[in-house]
């Protein structure tokens, strides 16, 4: 009986050690308050402030990715805490017919086949695995949720989507993105881009 208890204690201690090695956010965004378009299979959400706090406290243990198109950081800036830009979708090449998305009232995006391989590359580059936390942020939270679902389907376990994204949703009163989001929360961002963080075809 004593040997059995010792074995249980050893297993419990090992489990505690693993749990302690995995960083956890101090707080997460309430899944019940997440809109349908921003819901993910893993149901792991962070507000911009929660994401900033989590990444700052666990800089070497979390991968923080901007999943917008390559053009967006150039024109509207990028969070300085982001590890890399890894587009989830992209616009077609300039010489192609871009097409129009009636639902969004904007040019159509195309799936970006490099997304999953580039996430894996950036994880490896940082010495992390698919079991380590990944934080995804897009413009308002829709694309990051779809990107999180793709990664969940590939076996990633801890993928957080930033609700409100970098710019926040459109304010129905003003017609602008002046509520919610990383920028409106006063979190660090810049128009000056770090080449090492940007996406290039490999």
Protein backbone atom coordinates (compact mmCIF):
# COMPACT_ATOMS: atom_id res chain seq x y z
CA UNK A 1 0.00 0.00 0.00
CA UNK A 2 2.83 2.39 0.86
CA UNK A 3 4.46 1.73 -2.53
CA UNK A 4 1.15 2.52 -4.26
CA UNK A 5 0.81 5.78 -2.32
CA UNK A 6 4.38 6.72 -3.21
CA UNK A 7 3.65 6.04 -6.88
CA UNK A 8 0.52 8.21 -6.75
CA UNK A 9 2.44 10.99 -5.03
CA UNK A 10 5.19 10.82 -7.67
CA UNK A 11 2.65 10.96 -10.50
CA UNK A 12 0.83 13.88 -8.88
CA UNK A 13 4.10 15.76 -8.36
CA UNK A 14 5.04 15.19 -12.01
CA UNK A 15 1.64 16.45 -13.13
CA UNK A 16 2.02 19.57 -10.96
CA UNK A 17 5.47 20.15 -12.46
CA UNK A 18 4.09 19.98 -15.99
CA UNK A 19 1.19 22.28 -15.10
CA UNK A 20 3.56 24.80 -13.54
CA UNK A 21 5.81 24.72 -16.61
CA UNK A 22 2.92 25.79 -18.84
CA UNK A 23 2.16 29.52 -18.45
CA UNK A 24 -1.48 30.47 -17.97
CA UNK A 25 -3.08 33.90 -18.42
CA UNK A 26 -3.99 35.62 -15.15
CA UNK A 27 -7.45 36.22 -16.65
CA UNK A 28 -9.26 35.33 -19.87
CA UNK A 29 -12.13 36.87 -21.80
CA UNK A 30 -15.57 35.44 -20.95
CA UNK A 31 -16.56 33.05 -23.81
CA UNK A 32 -20.24 33.98 -23.29
CA UNK A 33 -19.44 37.55 -24.39
CA UNK A 34 -17.75 36.50 -27.63
CA UNK A 35 -19.75 37.10 -30.83
CA UNK A 36 -20.55 34.26 -33.19
CA UNK A 37 -17.98 35.35 -35.81
CA UNK A 38 -15.21 35.34 -33.22
CA UNK A 39 -15.92 31.99 -31.55
CA UNK A 40 -13.29 29.26 -31.69
CA UNK A 41 -13.32 25.50 -31.19
CA UNK A 42 -10.93 25.76 -28.24
CA UNK A 43 -12.90 28.65 -26.67
CA UNK A 44 -9.73 30.39 -25.50
CA UNK A 45 -10.02 34.18 -25.65
CA UNK A 46 -8.06 37.16 -24.40
CA UNK A 47 -8.90 40.86 -24.39
CA UNK A 48 -6.10 43.04 -25.79
CA UNK A 49 -5.00 43.99 -22.25
CA UNK A 50 -5.08 40.36 -21.08
CA UNK A 51 -3.02 39.37 -24.13
CA UNK A 52 -0.46 42.11 -23.47
CA UNK A 53 -0.11 41.11 -19.81
CA UNK A 54 0.18 37.41 -20.67
CA UNK A 55 2.82 37.97 -23.36
CA UNK A 56 4.86 40.39 -21.24
CA UNK A 57 4.98 37.98 -18.28
CA UNK A 58 5.80 34.93 -20.42
CA UNK A 59 7.86 36.44 -23.24
CA UNK A 60 9.91 33.28 -23.96
CA UNK A 61 7.08 30.79 -23.41
CA UNK A 62 4.33 32.25 -25.63
CA UNK A 63 4.21 32.85 -29.39
CA UNK A 64 2.29 36.04 -30.24
CA UNK A 65 1.33 36.30 -33.92
CA UNK A 66 -0.28 39.01 -36.01
CA UNK A 67 -2.35 37.16 -38.65
CA UNK A 68 -3.36 40.16 -40.77
CA UNK A 69 -2.29 40.69 -44.38
CA UNK A 70 1.18 42.00 -45.17
CA UNK A 71 -0.26 45.40 -46.14
CA UNK A 72 -2.12 46.10 -42.91
CA UNK A 73 0.88 46.68 -40.59
CA UNK A 74 2.38 49.01 -43.20
CA UNK A 75 -0.68 51.27 -43.28
CA UNK A 76 -2.15 51.00 -39.76
CA UNK A 77 0.79 49.87 -37.61
CA UNK A 78 1.63 46.77 -35.61
CA UNK A 79 1.74 45.79 -31.93
CA UNK A 80 5.33 45.98 -30.74
CA UNK A 81 4.93 42.88 -28.52
CA UNK A 82 4.14 40.65 -31.52
CA UNK A 83 6.73 37.97 -32.35
CA UNK A 84 5.90 37.79 -36.06
CA UNK A 85 3.45 38.58 -38.83
CA UNK A 86 2.00 35.34 -40.25
CA UNK A 87 -0.90 36.14 -42.60
CA UNK A 88 -3.92 33.83 -42.35
CA UNK A 89 -5.37 35.13 -45.63
CA UNK A 90 -3.96 37.46 -48.26
CA UNK A 91 -5.11 39.56 -51.19
CA UNK A 92 -4.49 38.02 -54.63
CA UNK A 93 -1.43 39.18 -56.52
CA UNK A 94 -1.69 42.73 -57.82
CA UNK A 95 -1.99 41.67 -61.48
CA UNK A 96 -4.90 39.32 -60.75
CA UNK A 97 -8.60 40.17 -60.53
CA UNK A 98 -9.02 40.91 -56.85
CA UNK A 99 -12.78 40.32 -56.83
CA UNK A 100 -15.27 41.90 -54.45
CA UNK A 101 -16.78 40.48 -51.26
CA UNK A 102 -20.35 41.83 -51.06
CA UNK A 103 -20.77 40.68 -47.45
CA UNK A 104 -17.68 42.51 -46.19
CA UNK A 105 -17.92 45.38 -48.67
CA UNK A 106 -14.23 44.99 -49.50
CA UNK A 107 -11.80 43.20 -51.81
CA UNK A 108 -11.80 39.42 -51.41
CA UNK A 109 -9.14 37.59 -49.43
CA UNK A 110 -7.65 34.29 -50.54
CA UNK A 111 -6.53 31.42 -48.26
CA UNK A 112 -2.83 31.66 -47.49
CA UNK A 113 -1.22 28.23 -47.87
CA UNK A 114 1.92 29.25 -46.00
CA UNK A 115 0.03 29.96 -42.76
CA UNK A 116 0.37 26.58 -40.98
CA UNK A 117 3.99 25.92 -42.08
CA UNK A 118 4.99 29.45 -41.06
CA UNK A 119 3.39 29.06 -37.62
CA UNK A 120 5.33 25.81 -37.16
CA UNK A 121 8.55 27.53 -38.28
CA UNK A 122 8.07 30.46 -35.91
CA UNK A 123 7.30 28.09 -33.02
CA UNK A 124 10.46 26.08 -33.67
CA UNK A 125 12.50 29.26 -34.04
CA UNK A 126 11.40 30.28 -30.56
CA UNK A 127 12.04 26.81 -29.10
CA UNK A 128 8.34 26.09 -28.53
CA UNK A 129 6.02 23.21 -29.45
CA UNK A 130 2.35 22.87 -30.53
CA UNK A 131 1.51 22.34 -26.84
CA UNK A 132 2.79 25.79 -25.88
CA UNK A 133 0.44 28.80 -25.88
CA UNK A 134 -0.06 30.77 -29.08
CA UNK A 135 -1.83 34.13 -29.13
CA UNK A 136 -3.36 35.27 -32.44
CA UNK A 137 -4.47 38.79 -33.31
CA UNK A 138 -6.03 40.19 -36.50
CA UNK A 139 -7.83 43.48 -37.16
CA UNK A 140 -11.02 42.82 -35.16
CA UNK A 141 -11.02 39.15 -34.09
CA UNK A 142 -12.76 37.36 -36.98
CA UNK A 143 -9.70 36.11 -38.88
CA UNK A 144 -7.82 35.20 -35.70
CA UNK A 145 -10.74 32.97 -34.68
CA UNK A 146 -10.67 31.13 -38.02
CA UNK A 147 -6.90 30.85 -37.81
CA UNK A 148 -7.24 29.42 -34.28
CA UNK A 149 -9.70 26.82 -35.59
CA UNK A 150 -7.31 25.78 -38.34
CA UNK A 151 -4.53 25.30 -35.78
CA UNK A 152 -6.89 23.40 -33.46
CA UNK A 153 -7.71 21.03 -36.35
CA UNK A 154 -3.97 20.48 -36.77
CA UNK A 155 -3.60 19.44 -33.11
CA UNK A 156 -2.53 22.68 -31.44
CA UNK A 157 -3.93 22.72 -27.90
CA UNK A 158 -3.59 26.26 -26.54
CA UNK A 159 -4.44 28.83 -29.17
CA UNK A 160 -5.89 32.11 -27.86
CA UNK A 161 -7.72 34.61 -30.05
CA UNK A 162 -7.59 38.31 -29.13
CA UNK A 163 -11.18 39.58 -29.02
CA UNK A 164 -11.40 42.97 -30.73
CA UNK A 165 -8.06 42.47 -32.48
CA UNK A 166 -5.70 45.33 -33.29
CA UNK A 167 -8.20 48.00 -34.36
CA UNK A 168 -11.46 46.89 -32.75
CA UNK A 169 -14.94 46.56 -34.28
CA UNK A 170 -16.67 49.29 -36.26
CA UNK A 171 -18.53 51.68 -33.96
CA UNK A 172 -22.09 51.90 -35.32
CA UNK A 173 -22.40 55.49 -34.06
CA UNK A 174 -19.27 56.87 -35.72
CA UNK A 175 -18.63 54.36 -38.50
CA UNK A 176 -15.00 54.14 -37.33
CA UNK A 177 -12.92 51.60 -35.45
CA UNK A 178 -12.65 53.78 -32.36
CA UNK A 179 -13.79 51.30 -29.68
CA UNK A 180 -12.13 48.14 -28.41
CA UNK A 181 -8.99 46.65 -29.90
CA UNK A 182 -5.30 46.92 -29.10
CA UNK A 183 -4.81 50.48 -30.36
CA UNK A 184 -7.86 51.89 -28.57
CA UNK A 185 -6.70 50.25 -25.31
CA UNK A 186 -3.53 52.35 -25.43
CA UNK A 187 -1.26 49.31 -25.75
CA UNK A 188 2.17 49.61 -27.43
CA UNK A 189 2.25 49.72 -31.24
CA UNK A 190 4.22 51.43 -33.95
CA UNK A 191 4.36 52.24 -37.66
CA UNK A 192 8.06 51.31 -37.54
CA UNK A 193 8.26 47.65 -38.55
CA UNK A 194 10.96 45.15 -37.61
CA UNK A 195 12.02 43.23 -40.74
CA UNK A 196 12.76 40.10 -38.69
CA UNK A 197 9.10 39.94 -37.65
CA UNK A 198 7.65 40.32 -41.14
CA UNK A 199 6.57 37.53 -43.47
CA UNK A 200 8.63 36.70 -46.57
CA UNK A 201 8.20 33.78 -48.98
CA UNK A 202 10.72 31.08 -48.05
